[in-house]
Amino acid sequence: MPVKKYLDLSTAHIPNEDREILDGKKGAWIVTPHRYGWWVYVPLDSSANPTTAGFSPAFCSLIGVAIDNGCRWINFDQDASIDPKLPVFDWEGAR
């Protein structure tokens, strides 16, 4: 039975403009909202380039962190720990 890894990050690591894209499920991205954030599938093909979908450089770097750690999913959760190595953004209307 294969076991897959996912990256668990605070929603504080996402700039506000990226939250709007995640809520709209724009482009080739597989996004599943949940009560406290989003599950985001990390694609490896070029058809789902985060830059092309309009995501910020900060979000694109989070995709890179997931790929570098062998994770195919990111769980952005308001209750997840904040990683001190990653930028943090203030936003209103927290999930």
PDB file of N, CA and C in Angstrom:
ATOM      1  N   MET A   1       0.842  -1.169   0.000  1.00  0.00           N
ATOM      2  CA  MET A   1       0.000   0.000   0.000  1.00  0.00           C
ATOM      3  C   MET A   1       0.897   1.246   0.000  1.00  0.00           C
ATOM      4  N   PRO A   2       0.760   2.100  -1.015  1.00  0.00           N
ATOM      5  CA  PRO A   2       1.581   3.316  -1.037  1.00  0.00           C
ATOM      6  C   PRO A   2       1.082   4.345  -0.027  1.00  0.00           C
ATOM      7  N   VAL A   3       2.009   4.999   0.601  1.00  0.00           N
ATOM      8  CA  VAL A   3       1.700   6.068   1.543  1.00  0.00           C
ATOM      9  C   VAL A   3       2.244   7.353   0.951  1.00  0.00           C
ATOM     10  N   LYS A   4       1.400   8.381   0.869  1.00  0.00           N
ATOM     11  CA  LYS A   4       1.785   9.659   0.273  1.00  0.00           C
ATOM     12  C   LYS A   4       1.981  10.700   1.365  1.00  0.00           C
ATOM     13  N   LYS A   5       2.885  11.660   1.089  1.00  0.00           N
ATOM     14  CA  LYS A   5       3.130  12.762   2.014  1.00  0.00           C
ATOM     15  C   LYS A   5       2.384  14.004   1.540  1.00  0.00           C
ATOM     16  N   TYR A   6       2.053  14.873   2.494  1.00  0.00           N
ATOM     17  CA  TYR A   6       1.528  16.188   2.144  1.00  0.00           C
ATOM     18  C   TYR A   6       2.213  17.228   3.009  1.00  0.00           C
ATOM     19  N   LEU A   7       2.236  18.454   2.522  1.00  0.00           N
ATOM     20  CA  LEU A   7       2.814  19.577   3.243  1.00  0.00           C
ATOM     21  C   LEU A   7       1.689  20.260   4.009  1.00  0.00           C
ATOM     22  N   ASP A   8       1.863  20.480   5.289  1.00  0.00           N
ATOM     23  CA  ASP A   8       0.859  21.114   6.139  1.00  0.00           C
ATOM     24  C   ASP A   8       1.355  22.508   6.482  1.00  0.00           C
ATOM     25  N   LEU A   9       0.693  23.539   5.925  1.00  0.00           N
ATOM     26  CA  LEU A   9       1.138  24.917   6.125  1.00  0.00           C
ATOM     27  C   LEU A   9      -0.010  25.786   6.615  1.00  0.00           C
ATOM     28  N   SER A  10       0.343  26.808   7.363  1.00  0.00           N
ATOM     29  CA  SER A  10      -0.635  27.793   7.805  1.00  0.00           C
ATOM     30  C   SER A  10      -1.131  28.609   6.610  1.00  0.00           C
ATOM     31  N   THR A  11      -2.394  29.002   6.667  1.00  0.00           N
ATOM     32  CA  THR A  11      -2.930  29.906   5.641  1.00  0.00           C
ATOM     33  C   THR A  11      -2.237  31.263   5.688  1.00  0.00           C
ATOM     34  N   ALA A  12      -1.533  31.554   6.775  1.00  0.00           N
ATOM     35  CA  ALA A  12      -0.798  32.820   6.885  1.00  0.00           C
ATOM     36  C   ALA A  12       0.315  32.939   5.844  1.00  0.00           C
ATOM     37  N   HIS A  13       0.699  31.832   5.220  1.00  0.00           N
ATOM     38  CA  HIS A  13       1.753  31.863   4.207  1.00  0.00           C
ATOM     39  C   HIS A  13       1.233  32.218   2.806  1.00  0.00           C
ATOM     40  N   ILE A  14      -0.076  32.467   2.692  1.00  0.00           N
ATOM     41  CA  ILE A  14      -0.652  32.767   1.379  1.00  0.00           C
ATOM     42  C   ILE A  14      -1.042  34.241   1.312  1.00  0.00           C
ATOM     43  N   PRO A  15      -0.535  34.977   0.306  1.00  0.00           N
ATOM     44  CA  PRO A  15      -0.988  36.365   0.117  1.00  0.00           C
ATOM     45  C   PRO A  15      -2.479  36.406  -0.234  1.00  0.00           C
ATOM     46  N   ASN A  16      -3.126  37.498   0.105  1.00  0.00           N
ATOM     47  CA  ASN A  16      -4.564  37.629  -0.094  1.00  0.00           C
ATOM     48  C   ASN A  16      -4.989  37.378  -1.541  1.00  0.00           C
ATOM     49  N   GLU A  17      -4.229  37.891  -2.518  1.00  0.00           N
ATOM     50  CA  GLU A  17      -4.622  37.710  -3.923  1.00  0.00           C
ATOM     51  C   GLU A  17      -4.638  36.232  -4.324  1.00  0.00           C
ATOM     52  N   ASP A  18      -3.829  35.410  -3.690  1.00  0.00           N
ATOM     53  CA  ASP A  18      -3.833  33.972  -3.978  1.00  0.00           C
ATOM     54  C   ASP A  18      -5.049  33.289  -3.375  1.00  0.00           C
ATOM     55  N   ARG A  19      -5.521  33.783  -2.251  1.00  0.00           N
ATOM     56  CA  ARG A  19      -6.727  33.226  -1.645  1.00  0.00           C
ATOM     57  C   ARG A  19      -7.912  33.396  -2.589  1.00  0.00           C
ATOM     58  N   GLU A  20      -7.965  34.532  -3.265  1.00  0.00           N
ATOM     59  CA  GLU A  20      -9.054  34.771  -4.214  1.00  0.00           C
ATOM     60  C   GLU A  20      -9.002  33.764  -5.366  1.00  0.00           C
ATOM     61  N   ILE A  21      -7.815  33.443  -5.833  1.00  0.00           N
ATOM     62  CA  ILE A  21      -7.669  32.441  -6.898  1.00  0.00           C
ATOM     63  C   ILE A  21      -8.075  31.070  -6.381  1.00  0.00           C
ATOM     64  N   LEU A  22      -7.636  30.719  -5.167  1.00  0.00           N
ATOM     65  CA  LEU A  22      -7.980  29.415  -4.597  1.00  0.00           C
ATOM     66  C   LEU A  22      -9.493  29.263  -4.423  1.00  0.00           C
ATOM     67  N   ASP A  23     -10.154  30.323  -4.013  1.00  0.00           N
ATOM     68  CA  ASP A  23     -11.605  30.254  -3.851  1.00  0.00           C
ATOM     69  C   ASP A  23     -12.321  30.092  -5.188  1.00  0.00           C
ATOM     70  N   GLY A  24     -11.697  30.590  -6.266  1.00  0.00           N
ATOM     71  CA  GLY A  24     -12.316  30.492  -7.580  1.00  0.00           C
ATOM     72  C   GLY A  24     -11.950  29.241  -8.344  1.00  0.00           C
ATOM     73  N   LYS A  25     -11.031  28.431  -7.780  1.00  0.00           N
ATOM     74  CA  LYS A  25     -10.576  27.202  -8.445  1.00  0.00           C
ATOM     75  C   LYS A  25     -10.187  27.476  -9.897  1.00  0.00           C
ATOM     76  N   LYS A  26      -9.360  28.455 -10.077  1.00  0.00           N
ATOM     77  CA  LYS A  26      -8.976  28.901 -11.412  1.00  0.00           C
ATOM     78  C   LYS A  26      -8.048  27.918 -12.113  1.00  0.00           C
ATOM     79  N   GLY A  27      -8.262  27.732 -13.396  1.00  0.00           N
ATOM     80  CA  GLY A  27      -7.336  27.000 -14.249  1.00  0.00           C
ATOM     81  C   GLY A  27      -7.281  25.515 -13.966  1.00  0.00           C
ATOM     82  N   ALA A  28      -6.106  24.948 -14.174  1.00  0.00           N
ATOM     83  CA  ALA A  28      -5.899  23.506 -14.095  1.00  0.00           C
ATOM     84  C   ALA A  28      -5.641  23.027 -12.667  1.00  0.00           C
ATOM     85  N   TRP A  29      -5.834  23.883 -11.712  1.00  0.00           N
ATOM     86  CA  TRP A  29      -5.517  23.530 -10.334  1.00  0.00           C
ATOM     87  C   TRP A  29      -6.652  22.767  -9.678  1.00  0.00           C
ATOM     88  N   ILE A  30      -6.288  21.751  -8.941  1.00  0.00           N
ATOM     89  CA  ILE A  30      -7.255  20.994  -8.155  1.00  0.00           C
ATOM     90  C   ILE A  30      -7.194  21.558  -6.739  1.00  0.00           C
ATOM     91  N   VAL A  31      -8.256  22.231  -6.353  1.00  0.00           N
ATOM     92  CA  VAL A  31      -8.336  22.880  -5.048  1.00  0.00           C
ATOM     93  C   VAL A  31      -9.625  22.424  -4.374  1.00  0.00           C
ATOM     94  N   THR A  32      -9.485  21.966  -3.144  1.00  0.00           N
ATOM     95  CA  THR A  32     -10.653  21.561  -2.374  1.00  0.00           C
ATOM     96  C   THR A  32     -10.709  22.414  -1.115  1.00  0.00           C
ATOM     97  N   PRO A  33     -11.664  23.330  -1.042  1.00  0.00           N
ATOM     98  CA  PRO A  33     -11.769  24.133   0.174  1.00  0.00           C
ATOM     99  C   PRO A  33     -12.281  23.293   1.336  1.00  0.00           C
ATOM    100  N   HIS A  34     -11.843  23.638   2.515  1.00  0.00           N
ATOM    101  CA  HIS A  34     -12.395  23.037   3.727  1.00  0.00           C
ATOM    102  C   HIS A  34     -12.632  24.142   4.732  1.00  0.00           C
ATOM    103  N   ARG A  35     -13.181  23.806   5.841  1.00  0.00           N
ATOM    104  CA  ARG A  35     -13.617  24.819   6.811  1.00  0.00           C
ATOM    105  C   ARG A  35     -12.509  25.782   7.230  1.00  0.00           C
ATOM    106  N   TYR A  36     -11.274  25.328   7.239  1.00  0.00           N
ATOM    107  CA  TYR A  36     -10.176  26.144   7.757  1.00  0.00           C
ATOM    108  C   TYR A  36      -9.107  26.475   6.723  1.00  0.00           C
ATOM    109  N   GLY A  37      -9.373  26.198   5.451  1.00  0.00           N
ATOM    110  CA  GLY A  37      -8.371  26.494   4.421  1.00  0.00           C
ATOM    111  C   GLY A  37      -8.656  25.770   3.128  1.00  0.00           C
ATOM    112  N   TRP A  38      -7.599  25.212   2.537  1.00  0.00           N
ATOM    113  CA  TRP A  38      -7.707  24.531   1.249  1.00  0.00           C
ATOM    114  C   TRP A  38      -6.729  23.364   1.178  1.00  0.00           C
ATOM    115  N   TRP A  39      -7.142  22.320   0.463  1.00  0.00           N
ATOM    116  CA  TRP A  39      -6.219  21.289  -0.003  1.00  0.00           C
ATOM    117  C   TRP A  39      -5.879  21.667  -1.434  1.00  0.00           C
ATOM    118  N   VAL A  40      -4.596  21.725  -1.756  1.00  0.00           N
ATOM    119  CA  VAL A  40      -4.146  22.078  -3.102  1.00  0.00           C
ATOM    120  C   VAL A  40      -3.283  20.941  -3.639  1.00  0.00           C
ATOM    121  N   TYR A  41      -3.684  20.409  -4.784  1.00  0.00           N
ATOM    122  CA  TYR A  41      -2.906  19.372  -5.451  1.00  0.00           C
ATOM    123  C   TYR A  41      -1.681  20.016  -6.087  1.00  0.00           C
ATOM    124  N   VAL A  42      -0.540  19.385  -5.959  1.00  0.00           N
ATOM    125  CA  VAL A  42       0.712  19.902  -6.509  1.00  0.00           C
ATOM    126  C   VAL A  42       1.018  19.147  -7.797  1.00  0.00           C
ATOM    127  N   PRO A  43       0.669  19.739  -8.942  1.00  0.00           N
ATOM    128  CA  PRO A  43       0.914  19.063 -10.221  1.00  0.00           C
ATOM    129  C   PRO A  43       2.366  19.167 -10.625  1.00  0.00           C
ATOM    130  N   LEU A  44       2.799  18.204 -11.383  1.00  0.00           N
ATOM    131  CA  LEU A  44       4.183  18.219 -11.851  1.00  0.00           C
ATOM    132  C   LEU A  44       4.293  18.553 -13.333  1.00  0.00           C
ATOM    133  N   ASP A  45       3.157  18.655 -14.033  1.00  0.00           N
ATOM    134  CA  ASP A  45       3.238  18.964 -15.461  1.00  0.00           C
ATOM    135  C   ASP A  45       3.136  20.472 -15.694  1.00  0.00           C
ATOM    136  N   SER A  46       3.616  20.925 -16.835  1.00  0.00           N
ATOM    137  CA  SER A  46       3.688  22.351 -17.128  1.00  0.00           C
ATOM    138  C   SER A  46       2.322  22.969 -17.419  1.00  0.00           C
ATOM    139  N   SER A  47       1.296  22.152 -17.671  1.00  0.00           N
ATOM    140  CA  SER A  47      -0.030  22.704 -17.955  1.00  0.00           C
ATOM    141  C   SER A  47      -0.636  23.373 -16.732  1.00  0.00           C
ATOM    142  N   ALA A  48      -0.120  23.095 -15.572  1.00  0.00           N
ATOM    143  CA  ALA A  48      -0.645  23.666 -14.337  1.00  0.00           C
ATOM    144  C   ALA A  48       0.386  24.560 -13.663  1.00  0.00           C
ATOM    145  N   ASN A  49       1.078  25.348 -14.441  1.00  0.00           N
ATOM    146  CA  ASN A  49       2.094  26.258 -13.930  1.00  0.00           C
ATOM    147  C   ASN A  49       1.437  27.301 -13.021  1.00  0.00           C
ATOM    148  N   PRO A  50       1.885  27.448 -11.765  1.00  0.00           N
ATOM    149  CA  PRO A  50       1.244  28.403 -10.860  1.00  0.00           C
ATOM    150  C   PRO A  50       1.369  29.850 -11.332  1.00  0.00           C
ATOM    151  N   THR A  51       2.438  30.186 -12.019  1.00  0.00           N
ATOM    152  CA  THR A  51       2.607  31.544 -12.530  1.00  0.00           C
ATOM    153  C   THR A  51       1.574  31.833 -13.612  1.00  0.00           C
ATOM    154  N   THR A  52       1.365  30.890 -14.513  1.00  0.00           N
ATOM    155  CA  THR A  52       0.388  31.045 -15.582  1.00  0.00           C
ATOM    156  C   THR A  52      -1.023  31.189 -15.023  1.00  0.00           C
ATOM    157  N   ALA A  53      -1.312  30.514 -13.919  1.00  0.00           N
ATOM    158  CA  ALA A  53      -2.633  30.594 -13.292  1.00  0.00           C
ATOM    159  C   ALA A  53      -2.837  31.907 -12.555  1.00  0.00           C
ATOM    160  N   GLY A  54      -1.796  32.743 -12.463  1.00  0.00           N
ATOM    161  CA  GLY A  54      -1.916  34.037 -11.809  1.00  0.00           C
ATOM    162  C   GLY A  54      -1.489  34.077 -10.363  1.00  0.00           C
ATOM    163  N   PHE A  55      -0.922  32.984  -9.866  1.00  0.00           N
ATOM    164  CA  PHE A  55      -0.469  32.969  -8.478  1.00  0.00           C
ATOM    165  C   PHE A  55       0.763  33.844  -8.301  1.00  0.00           C
ATOM    166  N   SER A  56       0.921  34.361  -7.097  1.00  0.00           N
ATOM    167  CA  SER A  56       2.048  35.231  -6.761  1.00  0.00           C
ATOM    168  C   SER A  56       3.346  34.435  -6.685  1.00  0.00           C
ATOM    169  N   PRO A  57       4.483  35.149  -6.751  1.00  0.00           N
ATOM    170  CA  PRO A  57       5.775  34.464  -6.552  1.00  0.00           C
ATOM    171  C   PRO A  57       5.849  33.759  -5.198  1.00  0.00           C
ATOM    172  N   ALA A  58       5.220  34.324  -4.165  1.00  0.00           N
ATOM    173  CA  ALA A  58       5.249  33.694  -2.838  1.00  0.00           C
ATOM    174  C   ALA A  58       4.535  32.343  -2.874  1.00  0.00           C
ATOM    175  N   PHE A  59       3.380  32.272  -3.555  1.00  0.00           N
ATOM    176  CA  PHE A  59       2.658  31.006  -3.666  1.00  0.00           C
ATOM    177  C   PHE A  59       3.465  30.016  -4.493  1.00  0.00           C
ATOM    178  N   CYS A  60       4.056  30.491  -5.585  1.00  0.00           N
ATOM    179  CA  CYS A  60       4.874  29.607  -6.432  1.00  0.00           C
ATOM    180  C   CYS A  60       6.014  28.991  -5.636  1.00  0.00           C
ATOM    181  N   SER A  61       6.585  29.753  -4.712  1.00  0.00           N
ATOM    182  CA  SER A  61       7.670  29.194  -3.892  1.00  0.00           C
ATOM    183  C   SER A  61       7.147  28.111  -2.955  1.00  0.00           C
ATOM    184  N   LEU A  62       5.901  28.219  -2.499  1.00  0.00           N
ATOM    185  CA  LEU A  62       5.315  27.172  -1.658  1.00  0.00           C
ATOM    186  C   LEU A  62       5.120  25.883  -2.446  1.00  0.00           C
ATOM    187  N   ILE A  63       4.732  26.012  -3.705  1.00  0.00           N
ATOM    188  CA  ILE A  63       4.629  24.842  -4.581  1.00  0.00           C
ATOM    189  C   ILE A  63       6.011  24.195  -4.702  1.00  0.00           C
ATOM    190  N   GLY A  64       7.041  25.026  -4.849  1.00  0.00           N
ATOM    191  CA  GLY A  64       8.411  24.515  -4.929  1.00  0.00           C
ATOM    192  C   GLY A  64       8.828  23.786  -3.663  1.00  0.00           C
ATOM    193  N   VAL A  65       8.442  24.301  -2.502  1.00  0.00           N
ATOM    194  CA  VAL A  65       8.749  23.633  -1.227  1.00  0.00           C
ATOM    195  C   VAL A  65       8.091  22.257  -1.194  1.00  0.00           C
ATOM    196  N   ALA A  66       6.841  22.180  -1.635  1.00  0.00           N
ATOM    197  CA  ALA A  66       6.143  20.891  -1.659  1.00  0.00           C
ATOM    198  C   ALA A  66       6.853  19.908  -2.585  1.00  0.00           C
ATOM    199  N   ILE A  67       7.201  20.363  -3.785  1.00  0.00           N
ATOM    200  CA  ILE A  67       7.877  19.493  -4.748  1.00  0.00           C
ATOM    201  C   ILE A  67       9.226  19.037  -4.197  1.00  0.00           C
ATOM    202  N   ASP A  68       9.991  19.959  -3.611  1.00  0.00           N
ATOM    203  CA  ASP A  68      11.306  19.615  -3.053  1.00  0.00           C
ATOM    204  C   ASP A  68      11.207  18.576  -1.936  1.00  0.00           C
ATOM    205  N   ASN A  69      10.055  18.528  -1.268  1.00  0.00           N
ATOM    206  CA  ASN A  69       9.860  17.575  -0.166  1.00  0.00           C
ATOM    207  C   ASN A  69       9.054  16.351  -0.567  1.00  0.00           C
ATOM    208  N   GLY A  70       8.829  16.191  -1.872  1.00  0.00           N
ATOM    209  CA  GLY A  70       8.130  15.008  -2.365  1.00  0.00           C
ATOM    210  C   GLY A  70       6.650  14.962  -2.024  1.00  0.00           C
ATOM    211  N   CYS A  71       6.031  16.129  -1.862  1.00  0.00           N
ATOM    212  CA  CYS A  71       4.619  16.202  -1.496  1.00  0.00           C
ATOM    213  C   CYS A  71       3.767  16.527  -2.720  1.00  0.00           C
ATOM    214  N   ARG A  72       2.699  15.764  -2.916  1.00  0.00           N
ATOM    215  CA  ARG A  72       1.786  16.015  -4.038  1.00  0.00           C
ATOM    216  C   ARG A  72       0.588  16.849  -3.614  1.00  0.00           C
ATOM    217  N   TRP A  73       0.436  17.110  -2.336  1.00  0.00           N
ATOM    218  CA  TRP A  73      -0.649  17.930  -1.816  1.00  0.00           C
ATOM    219  C   TRP A  73      -0.107  18.904  -0.784  1.00  0.00           C
ATOM    220  N   ILE A  74      -0.778  20.067  -0.688  1.00  0.00           N
ATOM    221  CA  ILE A  74      -0.529  21.004   0.410  1.00  0.00           C
ATOM    222  C   ILE A  74      -1.860  21.211   1.122  1.00  0.00           C
ATOM    223  N   ASN A  75      -1.850  21.062   2.430  1.00  0.00           N
ATOM    224  CA  ASN A  75      -3.010  21.414   3.234  1.00  0.00           C
ATOM    225  C   ASN A  75      -2.723  22.775   3.853  1.00  0.00           C
ATOM    226  N   PHE A  76      -3.397  23.805   3.328  1.00  0.00           N
ATOM    227  CA  PHE A  76      -3.313  25.133   3.930  1.00  0.00           C
ATOM    228  C   PHE A  76      -4.412  25.196   4.976  1.00  0.00           C
ATOM    229  N   ASP A  77      -4.014  25.342   6.244  1.00  0.00           N
ATOM    230  CA  ASP A  77      -4.960  25.271   7.354  1.00  0.00           C
ATOM    231  C   ASP A  77      -4.655  26.409   8.316  1.00  0.00           C
ATOM    232  N   GLN A  78      -5.688  27.128   8.744  1.00  0.00           N
ATOM    233  CA  GLN A  78      -5.453  28.257   9.644  1.00  0.00           C
ATOM    234  C   GLN A  78      -4.868  27.811  10.977  1.00  0.00           C
ATOM    235  N   ASP A  79      -5.044  26.548  11.336  1.00  0.00           N
ATOM    236  CA  ASP A  79      -4.511  26.048  12.602  1.00  0.00           C
ATOM    237  C   ASP A  79      -3.143  25.383  12.473  1.00  0.00           C
ATOM    238  N   ALA A  80      -2.628  25.294  11.263  1.00  0.00           N
ATOM    239  CA  ALA A  80      -1.309  24.684  11.071  1.00  0.00           C
ATOM    240  C   ALA A  80      -0.222  25.624  11.589  1.00  0.00           C
ATOM    241  N   SER A  81       0.909  25.064  11.886  1.00  0.00           N
ATOM    242  CA  SER A  81       2.031  25.859  12.377  1.00  0.00           C
ATOM    243  C   SER A  81       2.568  26.775  11.285  1.00  0.00           C
ATOM    244  N   ILE A  82       3.063  27.919  11.713  1.00  0.00           N
ATOM    245  CA  ILE A  82       3.723  28.857  10.800  1.00  0.00           C
ATOM    246  C   ILE A  82       5.185  28.468  10.726  1.00  0.00           C
ATOM    247  N   ASP A  83       5.681  28.310   9.514  1.00  0.00           N
ATOM    248  CA  ASP A  83       7.088  27.973   9.307  1.00  0.00           C
ATOM    249  C   ASP A  83       7.895  29.265   9.325  1.00  0.00           C
ATOM    250  N   PRO A  84       8.831  29.418  10.261  1.00  0.00           N
ATOM    251  CA  PRO A  84       9.585  30.669  10.378  1.00  0.00           C
ATOM    252  C   PRO A  84      10.478  30.960   9.166  1.00  0.00           C
ATOM    253  N   LYS A  85      10.708  29.971   8.314  1.00  0.00           N
ATOM    254  CA  LYS A  85      11.542  30.179   7.125  1.00  0.00           C
ATOM    255  C   LYS A  85      10.750  30.729   5.946  1.00  0.00           C
ATOM    256  N   LEU A  86       9.421  30.767   6.066  1.00  0.00           N
ATOM    257  CA  LEU A  86       8.574  31.210   4.959  1.00  0.00           C
ATOM    258  C   LEU A  86       7.926  32.557   5.285  1.00  0.00           C
ATOM    259  N   PRO A  87       7.656  33.370   4.246  1.00  0.00           N
ATOM    260  CA  PRO A  87       6.996  34.653   4.505  1.00  0.00           C
ATOM    261  C   PRO A  87       5.577  34.463   5.054  1.00  0.00           C
ATOM    262  N   VAL A  88       5.162  35.443   5.844  1.00  0.00           N
ATOM    263  CA  VAL A  88       3.828  35.432   6.445  1.00  0.00           C
ATOM    264  C   VAL A  88       3.114  36.709   5.994  1.00  0.00           C
ATOM    265  N   PHE A  89       1.810  36.569   5.698  1.00  0.00           N
ATOM    266  CA  PHE A  89       1.018  37.690   5.206  1.00  0.00           C
ATOM    267  C   PHE A  89      -0.182  37.906   6.118  1.00  0.00           C
ATOM    268  N   ASP A  90      -0.500  39.179   6.381  1.00  0.00           N
ATOM    269  CA  ASP A  90      -1.692  39.523   7.155  1.00  0.00           C
ATOM    270  C   ASP A  90      -2.871  39.616   6.196  1.00  0.00           C
ATOM    271  N   TRP A  91      -4.024  39.159   6.647  1.00  0.00           N
ATOM    272  CA  TRP A  91      -5.226  39.257   5.829  1.00  0.00           C
ATOM    273  C   TRP A  91      -6.451  39.247   6.703  1.00  0.00           C
ATOM    274  N   GLU A  92      -7.515  39.828   6.188  1.00  0.00           N
ATOM    275  CA  GLU A  92      -8.777  39.879   6.906  1.00  0.00           C
ATOM    276  C   GLU A  92      -9.699  38.784   6.387  1.00  0.00           C
ATOM    277  N   GLY A  93     -10.705  38.455   7.144  1.00  0.00           N
ATOM    278  CA  GLY A  93     -11.665  37.442   6.729  1.00  0.00           C
ATOM    279  C   GLY A  93     -11.104  36.044   6.825  1.00  0.00           C
ATOM    280  N   ALA A  94     -10.337  35.786   7.881  1.00  0.00           N
ATOM    281  CA  ALA A  94      -9.681  34.484   8.035  1.00  0.00           C
ATOM    282  C   ALA A  94     -10.688  33.349   7.962  1.00  0.00           C
ATOM    283  N   ARG A  95     -10.239  32.260   7.321  1.00  0.00           N
ATOM    284  CA  ARG A  95     -11.064  31.053   7.248  1.00  0.00           C
ATOM    285  C   ARG A  95     -11.060  30.382   8.589  1.00  0.00           C
TER     286      ARG A  95
END
